[in-house]
N, C-alpha and C. Protein backbone atom coordinates (compact mmCIF):
# COMPACT_ATOMS: atom_id res chain seq x y z
N UNK A 1 29.90 -34.55 94.73
CA UNK A 1 29.52 -33.96 93.45
C UNK A 1 28.04 -34.28 93.21
N UNK A 2 27.28 -33.28 92.80
CA UNK A 2 25.86 -33.51 92.50
C UNK A 2 25.71 -34.23 91.16
N UNK A 3 24.52 -34.72 90.90
CA UNK A 3 24.28 -35.37 89.61
C UNK A 3 24.47 -34.39 88.46
N UNK A 4 24.03 -33.16 88.66
CA UNK A 4 24.20 -32.13 87.62
C UNK A 4 25.68 -31.89 87.35
N UNK A 5 26.46 -31.77 88.39
CA UNK A 5 27.90 -31.57 88.23
C UNK A 5 28.56 -32.77 87.57
N UNK A 6 28.10 -33.97 87.93
CA UNK A 6 28.64 -35.20 87.34
C UNK A 6 28.39 -35.24 85.84
N UNK A 7 27.17 -34.92 85.43
CA UNK A 7 26.82 -34.93 84.01
C UNK A 7 27.62 -33.86 83.26
N UNK A 8 27.71 -32.66 83.83
CA UNK A 8 28.47 -31.59 83.19
C UNK A 8 29.94 -31.99 83.04
N UNK A 9 30.52 -32.54 84.08
CA UNK A 9 31.92 -32.97 84.03
C UNK A 9 32.12 -34.04 82.96
N UNK A 10 31.21 -35.01 82.90
CA UNK A 10 31.31 -36.08 81.90
C UNK A 10 31.25 -35.49 80.49
N UNK A 11 30.31 -34.59 80.24
CA UNK A 11 30.18 -33.99 78.91
C UNK A 11 31.42 -33.19 78.55
N UNK A 12 31.98 -32.48 79.51
CA UNK A 12 33.15 -31.65 79.24
C UNK A 12 34.40 -32.49 79.00
N UNK A 13 34.50 -33.64 79.66
CA UNK A 13 35.71 -34.45 79.52
C UNK A 13 35.59 -35.54 78.46
N UNK A 14 34.38 -36.05 78.24
CA UNK A 14 34.20 -37.17 77.31
C UNK A 14 33.45 -36.80 76.04
N UNK A 15 32.81 -35.67 76.03
CA UNK A 15 32.15 -35.19 74.82
C UNK A 15 30.69 -35.56 74.67
N UNK A 16 30.30 -36.76 75.07
CA UNK A 16 28.90 -37.17 74.88
C UNK A 16 28.47 -38.12 76.00
N UNK A 17 27.15 -38.26 76.12
CA UNK A 17 26.59 -39.12 77.16
C UNK A 17 25.20 -39.59 76.73
N UNK A 18 24.92 -40.87 76.98
CA UNK A 18 23.59 -41.44 76.73
C UNK A 18 22.97 -41.82 78.07
N UNK A 19 21.67 -42.09 78.06
CA UNK A 19 20.99 -42.52 79.27
C UNK A 19 21.58 -43.82 79.80
N UNK A 20 21.91 -44.74 78.91
CA UNK A 20 22.49 -46.02 79.33
C UNK A 20 23.82 -45.80 80.06
N UNK A 21 24.66 -44.94 79.50
CA UNK A 21 25.94 -44.65 80.15
C UNK A 21 25.71 -43.99 81.51
N UNK A 22 24.78 -43.05 81.56
CA UNK A 22 24.51 -42.33 82.81
C UNK A 22 24.01 -43.27 83.90
N UNK A 23 23.14 -44.20 83.55
CA UNK A 23 22.62 -45.12 84.55
C UNK A 23 23.66 -46.16 84.97
N UNK A 24 24.43 -46.67 84.02
CA UNK A 24 25.43 -47.69 84.35
C UNK A 24 26.63 -47.12 85.10
N UNK A 25 27.10 -45.95 84.70
CA UNK A 25 28.30 -45.39 85.30
C UNK A 25 28.04 -44.57 86.56
N UNK A 26 26.88 -43.90 86.61
CA UNK A 26 26.64 -42.95 87.70
C UNK A 26 25.35 -43.20 88.47
N UNK A 27 24.54 -44.15 88.04
CA UNK A 27 23.26 -44.38 88.71
C UNK A 27 22.25 -43.27 88.48
N UNK A 28 22.40 -42.55 87.39
CA UNK A 28 21.50 -41.44 87.05
C UNK A 28 20.41 -41.95 86.12
N UNK A 29 19.15 -41.84 86.56
CA UNK A 29 18.04 -42.38 85.78
C UNK A 29 17.23 -41.31 85.07
N UNK A 30 17.43 -40.04 85.41
CA UNK A 30 16.67 -38.95 84.79
C UNK A 30 17.61 -37.98 84.06
N UNK A 31 18.39 -38.51 83.15
CA UNK A 31 19.37 -37.71 82.43
C UNK A 31 18.71 -36.57 81.66
N UNK A 32 17.59 -36.83 81.02
CA UNK A 32 16.95 -35.78 80.21
C UNK A 32 16.59 -34.57 81.07
N UNK A 33 16.19 -34.78 82.32
CA UNK A 33 15.88 -33.67 83.21
C UNK A 33 17.14 -32.86 83.53
N UNK A 34 18.24 -33.55 83.80
CA UNK A 34 19.49 -32.85 84.09
C UNK A 34 19.98 -32.06 82.88
N UNK A 35 19.81 -32.62 81.69
CA UNK A 35 20.19 -31.90 80.47
C UNK A 35 19.33 -30.65 80.32
N UNK A 36 18.04 -30.77 80.61
CA UNK A 36 17.13 -29.62 80.56
C UNK A 36 17.60 -28.53 81.51
N UNK A 37 17.96 -28.89 82.73
CA UNK A 37 18.42 -27.92 83.73
C UNK A 37 19.72 -27.27 83.27
N UNK A 38 20.65 -28.07 82.74
CA UNK A 38 21.92 -27.52 82.26
C UNK A 38 21.69 -26.53 81.11
N UNK A 39 20.75 -26.86 80.23
CA UNK A 39 20.43 -25.95 79.13
C UNK A 39 19.85 -24.65 79.67
N UNK A 40 18.98 -24.74 80.66
CA UNK A 40 18.39 -23.55 81.29
C UNK A 40 19.47 -22.72 81.96
N UNK A 41 20.51 -23.37 82.45
CA UNK A 41 21.64 -22.66 83.08
C UNK A 41 22.57 -22.03 82.06
N UNK A 42 22.31 -22.24 80.77
CA UNK A 42 23.08 -21.57 79.72
C UNK A 42 24.08 -22.45 79.00
N UNK A 43 24.15 -23.73 79.34
CA UNK A 43 25.09 -24.61 78.64
C UNK A 43 24.51 -25.00 77.29
N UNK A 44 25.37 -25.04 76.29
CA UNK A 44 24.97 -25.34 74.93
C UNK A 44 25.14 -26.85 74.70
N UNK A 45 24.06 -27.58 74.84
CA UNK A 45 24.09 -29.04 74.72
C UNK A 45 23.18 -29.45 73.57
N UNK A 46 23.72 -30.26 72.69
CA UNK A 46 23.01 -30.71 71.49
C UNK A 46 22.50 -32.14 71.73
N UNK A 47 21.29 -32.42 71.27
CA UNK A 47 20.72 -33.76 71.34
C UNK A 47 20.77 -34.39 69.96
N UNK A 48 21.37 -35.57 69.88
CA UNK A 48 21.48 -36.29 68.62
C UNK A 48 20.71 -37.60 68.75
N UNK A 49 19.79 -37.85 67.83
CA UNK A 49 19.08 -39.13 67.81
C UNK A 49 19.99 -40.17 67.18
N UNK A 50 20.27 -41.22 67.94
CA UNK A 50 21.21 -42.24 67.52
C UNK A 50 20.50 -43.59 67.38
N UNK A 51 20.61 -44.26 66.22
CA UNK A 51 19.98 -45.57 66.07
C UNK A 51 20.80 -46.65 66.78
N UNK A 52 20.11 -47.54 67.48
CA UNK A 52 20.74 -48.70 68.11
C UNK A 52 19.89 -49.92 67.83
N UNK A 53 20.53 -51.07 67.82
CA UNK A 53 19.79 -52.31 67.60
C UNK A 53 19.15 -52.74 68.91
N UNK A 54 17.86 -53.07 68.86
CA UNK A 54 17.19 -53.54 70.07
C UNK A 54 17.32 -55.05 70.18
N UNK A 55 16.80 -55.60 71.27
CA UNK A 55 16.98 -57.03 71.52
C UNK A 55 16.20 -57.92 70.55
N UNK A 56 15.32 -57.34 69.77
CA UNK A 56 14.56 -58.11 68.80
C UNK A 56 15.13 -58.00 67.38
N UNK A 57 16.26 -57.31 67.26
CA UNK A 57 16.90 -57.15 65.97
C UNK A 57 16.46 -55.93 65.19
N UNK A 58 15.52 -55.20 65.75
CA UNK A 58 15.05 -53.98 65.09
C UNK A 58 15.88 -52.78 65.50
N UNK A 59 15.47 -51.64 65.02
CA UNK A 59 16.18 -50.40 65.32
C UNK A 59 15.35 -49.57 66.30
N UNK A 60 16.01 -49.10 67.34
CA UNK A 60 15.42 -48.14 68.28
C UNK A 60 16.29 -46.89 68.25
N UNK A 61 15.74 -45.80 68.72
CA UNK A 61 16.47 -44.53 68.72
C UNK A 61 16.68 -44.08 70.15
N UNK A 62 17.90 -43.66 70.46
CA UNK A 62 18.22 -43.13 71.79
C UNK A 62 18.84 -41.73 71.61
N UNK A 63 18.71 -40.93 72.64
CA UNK A 63 19.30 -39.59 72.62
C UNK A 63 20.75 -39.66 73.09
N UNK A 64 21.62 -39.04 72.32
CA UNK A 64 23.01 -38.85 72.72
C UNK A 64 23.20 -37.36 72.90
N UNK A 65 23.67 -36.97 74.08
CA UNK A 65 23.85 -35.55 74.40
C UNK A 65 25.31 -35.18 74.22
N UNK A 66 25.55 -34.04 73.56
CA UNK A 66 26.90 -33.55 73.30
C UNK A 66 27.01 -32.07 73.62
N UNK A 67 28.16 -31.68 74.19
CA UNK A 67 28.43 -30.26 74.41
C UNK A 67 28.77 -29.62 73.07
N UNK A 68 28.21 -28.45 72.81
CA UNK A 68 28.56 -27.68 71.62
C UNK A 68 29.51 -26.58 72.03
N UNK A 69 30.45 -26.27 71.15
CA UNK A 69 31.40 -25.19 71.48
C UNK A 69 30.92 -23.86 71.01
């Protein structure tokens, strides 16, 4: 399975994916590029800015990708 197919399958079965999940579960380091390609292929994927606590106690923002119906 290609990285693009892996990301598409994950989004279709799990609903959402972050860069951290992609790198830890699949070894994918360029998730944003794969999302761009999937969008160009016609898939309706929404990007949600999600706040997370960083290691210094502050807030950082990460992209969470979700399939839209």
